[in-house]
Structure formats: structure tokens, C-alpha cells
Protein backbone atom coordinates (compact mmCIF):
# COMPACT_ATOMS: atom_id res chain seq x y z
CA MET A 1 -2.98 -26.20 23.30
CA PHE A 2 -4.65 -23.65 21.44
CA GLU A 3 -6.39 -25.03 18.43
CA ASN A 4 -7.35 -23.13 15.35
CA SER A 5 -9.55 -24.15 13.30
CA TYR A 6 -9.52 -21.55 10.53
CA LYS A 7 -8.06 -22.96 7.36
CA ILE A 8 -5.97 -21.51 5.23
CA ARG A 9 -4.99 -22.96 1.84
CA VAL A 10 -1.65 -22.13 0.63
CA SER A 11 -0.13 -22.94 -2.49
CA SER A 12 2.60 -22.38 -4.71
CA ARG A 13 2.78 -21.94 -8.25
CA ALA A 14 4.76 -21.66 -11.67
CA ILE A 15 5.22 -19.11 -13.84
CA ILE A 16 7.25 -20.97 -16.72
CA ILE A 17 8.21 -18.78 -19.83
CA ARG A 18 9.80 -20.22 -22.87
CA ASP A 19 9.87 -18.76 -26.90
CA GLU A 20 7.22 -16.03 -26.10
CA LYS A 21 4.58 -18.31 -24.25
CA ILE A 22 3.51 -19.20 -21.00
CA LEU A 23 2.55 -22.74 -19.76
CA LEU A 24 -0.89 -23.01 -18.15
CA CYS A 25 -3.43 -25.03 -16.86
CA CYS A 26 -6.25 -25.14 -19.46
CA PHE A 27 -9.76 -26.00 -17.70
CA GLY A 28 -12.66 -27.22 -19.99
CA ASN A 29 -11.29 -26.44 -23.32
CA GLY A 30 -10.50 -23.25 -22.90
CA LEU A 31 -13.45 -22.24 -19.98
CA TYR A 32 -10.52 -20.69 -17.64
CA TYR A 33 -6.80 -20.95 -17.72
CA SER A 34 -4.59 -21.24 -14.11
CA ILE A 35 -0.84 -21.02 -13.60
CA PRO A 36 0.39 -24.44 -12.35
CA GLY A 37 0.97 -25.39 -9.01
CA GLY A 38 -1.25 -26.27 -6.33
CA GLY A 39 -1.01 -27.03 -2.51
CA ILE A 40 1.79 -27.19 -0.19
CA GLU A 41 1.50 -30.64 1.75
CA GLU A 42 2.72 -31.15 5.09
CA ALA A 43 6.51 -31.07 5.90
CA GLU A 44 7.11 -29.53 2.26
CA THR A 45 8.54 -26.39 1.09
CA ALA A 46 6.84 -23.93 -1.34
CA LYS A 47 9.69 -24.60 -3.68
CA GLN A 48 9.55 -28.80 -3.27
CA ALA A 49 5.37 -28.35 -3.69
CA VAL A 50 5.63 -26.51 -7.34
CA ILE A 51 7.99 -28.99 -8.41
CA ARG A 52 5.65 -31.83 -7.17
CA GLU A 53 2.92 -30.39 -8.86
CA VAL A 54 4.44 -29.03 -12.08
CA LEU A 55 5.26 -32.92 -12.57
CA GLU A 56 1.68 -34.22 -11.69
CA GLU A 57 0.17 -31.56 -14.13
CA THR A 58 2.18 -31.26 -16.95
CA GLY A 59 5.10 -33.75 -16.70
CA LEU A 60 7.56 -31.24 -16.91
CA ALA A 61 10.54 -30.99 -14.34
CA ILE A 62 11.41 -27.70 -13.58
CA GLU A 63 13.73 -25.43 -11.38
CA VAL A 64 12.54 -23.02 -9.33
CA GLY A 65 14.06 -19.61 -9.15
CA HIS A 66 13.26 -16.59 -7.43
CA LEU A 67 9.27 -15.04 -5.80
CA VAL A 68 7.61 -13.24 -8.21
CA PHE A 69 4.75 -12.25 -6.09
CA SER A 70 2.27 -13.81 -3.75
CA LEU A 71 -1.40 -13.47 -3.60
CA GLU A 72 -4.11 -13.91 -1.16
CA SER A 73 -7.91 -14.74 -2.22
CA HIS A 74 -10.91 -14.58 -0.20
CA SER A 75 -12.82 -15.92 -3.39
CA GLU A 76 -14.31 -19.78 -2.50
CA GLY A 77 -12.16 -19.89 0.81
CA HIS A 78 -9.06 -18.24 2.02
CA HIS A 79 -6.35 -18.79 -0.28
CA ILE A 80 -2.32 -17.53 -0.32
CA SER A 81 -0.38 -18.40 -3.49
CA PHE A 82 3.21 -18.39 -4.02
CA PHE A 83 4.13 -17.43 -7.71
CA PHE A 84 7.71 -18.30 -8.37
CA ARG A 85 9.59 -17.54 -11.54
CA CYS A 86 10.58 -21.21 -13.03
CA TYR A 87 12.41 -22.68 -15.74
CA VAL A 88 11.99 -26.53 -17.61
CA ASN A 89 15.11 -28.90 -16.85
CA GLN A 90 16.26 -29.74 -20.08
CA ASP A 91 18.00 -32.49 -18.95
CA ILE A 92 15.06 -34.65 -17.52
CA ALA A 93 12.80 -35.77 -20.59
CA PRO A 94 9.22 -34.90 -20.20
CA VAL A 95 6.74 -37.66 -18.61
CA GLU A 96 3.30 -37.94 -19.12
CA PRO A 97 0.86 -36.48 -16.18
CA SER A 98 0.30 -38.35 -13.16
CA HIS A 99 -2.52 -36.58 -11.91
CA THR A 100 -5.48 -35.07 -13.92
CA ASP A 101 -6.90 -31.60 -12.07
CA THR A 102 -10.34 -31.33 -11.84
CA ASN A 103 -12.46 -28.52 -11.17
CA PRO A 104 -13.38 -29.14 -7.54
CA TYR A 105 -17.07 -27.75 -8.08
CA ASP A 106 -17.42 -29.44 -11.20
CA GLU A 107 -15.44 -33.07 -12.06
CA THR A 108 -16.12 -32.83 -15.13
CA ILE A 109 -13.87 -29.58 -15.88
CA THR A 110 -10.66 -31.13 -16.04
CA LEU A 111 -7.15 -29.82 -16.83
CA VAL A 112 -4.57 -29.94 -19.63
CA ALA A 113 -1.29 -28.14 -19.81
CA LYS A 114 -0.66 -25.77 -22.63
CA TRP A 115 1.83 -23.46 -23.94
CA MET A 116 -0.03 -20.45 -24.65
CA PRO A 117 1.46 -17.09 -26.40
CA LEU A 118 1.97 -14.13 -24.00
CA SER A 119 0.22 -11.97 -26.96
CA GLU A 120 -2.83 -13.30 -25.75
CA LEU A 121 -2.38 -13.22 -21.66
CA HIS A 122 -5.35 -10.45 -21.96
CA GLU A 123 -7.48 -12.17 -23.59
CA ILE A 124 -7.93 -15.29 -21.88
CA ASN A 125 -9.96 -15.65 -18.28
CA LEU A 126 -7.07 -16.61 -16.26
CA VAL A 127 -7.72 -17.53 -12.47
CA PRO A 128 -7.08 -15.55 -10.34
CA ARG A 129 -6.78 -12.44 -12.46
CA ILE A 130 -3.47 -11.55 -12.38
CA GLN A 131 -2.76 -10.68 -15.58
CA GLU A 132 -1.97 -6.96 -15.16
CA SER A 133 0.72 -8.20 -12.71
CA LEU A 134 1.92 -10.95 -14.87
CA ILE A 135 2.14 -9.06 -17.83
CA LYS A 136 4.07 -6.29 -16.13
CA TYR A 137 6.19 -8.76 -14.79
CA VAL A 138 7.06 -10.48 -18.39
CA ASP A 139 7.45 -6.69 -19.69
CA THR A 140 9.84 -5.29 -17.39
CA GLY A 141 11.35 -8.45 -16.13
CA VAL A 142 11.22 -6.82 -12.67
CA PHE A 143 10.01 -8.62 -9.53
CA ILE A 144 9.05 -7.22 -5.99
CA PRO A 145 8.13 -9.55 -3.86
CA ALA A 146 4.96 -8.18 -2.86
CA PHE A 147 1.91 -9.64 -0.81
CA TRP A 148 -0.96 -8.56 -3.18
CA ASP A 149 -4.25 -8.26 -2.04
CA GLY A 150 -6.34 -10.13 -5.23
CA ASP A 151 -10.24 -9.06 -4.11
């Protein structure tokens, strides 16, 4: 049997917007931000992964909506991410996050979930750099599931 040793990291991310704010993962007291989510585990769907990851990182239970866009990146390895529009499940009380993420290259840089004003998206260091696509989606509400090459 052919075995492919090439590794691609596949992840799911949650675009959660409420009251003109977006939920982001803040690393290193604002050094950079990311969309909540993470790697898809074996035998897990992309939607199951984003539900699990958001609960682990933020303590919030979510409902997964439509696919907004996908991203392929070759920075620091080969990554493919799916970005879903998600909503906080108001029927389930928030819990303490069960997992504190760190930067894989510097474990002293930790994650804290923060609601950030949408008006500040242009000003923050969002990784990956998807501000333009994200702001366009927020402004228009139009999504076209598409493959976007972030490099």
C-alpha cells in the first residue's frame, strides 16, 4: 500500500460575531490574534472539530452555520483551514476553557479569548492575514465558499 509521508495540517475555525464584536483568540497580550479553532482529529468532521476547539479554547458552546471560506497557507508548514460562521448557543452556560493554547514556537505566549470590536479588525495583527476577506464578509453578509491561497 502506498503511504504518503507528506503532512498537511487541516483545521476548522469559527467566525463568531455578536453585538458588533468578533470573538478572537488573543496571544501574548495582543501580540497577535487568531480566529478560534484548531486541528481536526482522526475520525472527526470539520464541524465537530470547530465545536470541540471553541469549547476548549473559549468555554463557549456553539452552533455551526455555513462555510464562509477556506484558506491554504504554506507558512510554517502546509495548512488548510475551513472557516465557518458560528453562533453562541445561548441555552448552554459558558464554562471555564479546558485548554490553554500556546504558541507552538514559544510556549510562554498563551491564548486568551476576547470579544474585539469589528471596527478594530484593520488595526490588529490577525494571523493568518484574512482581514480583507473577513471584513468583506461582515460588511456584505455574502459568502462564497471558495479556496483562498493566503500566500
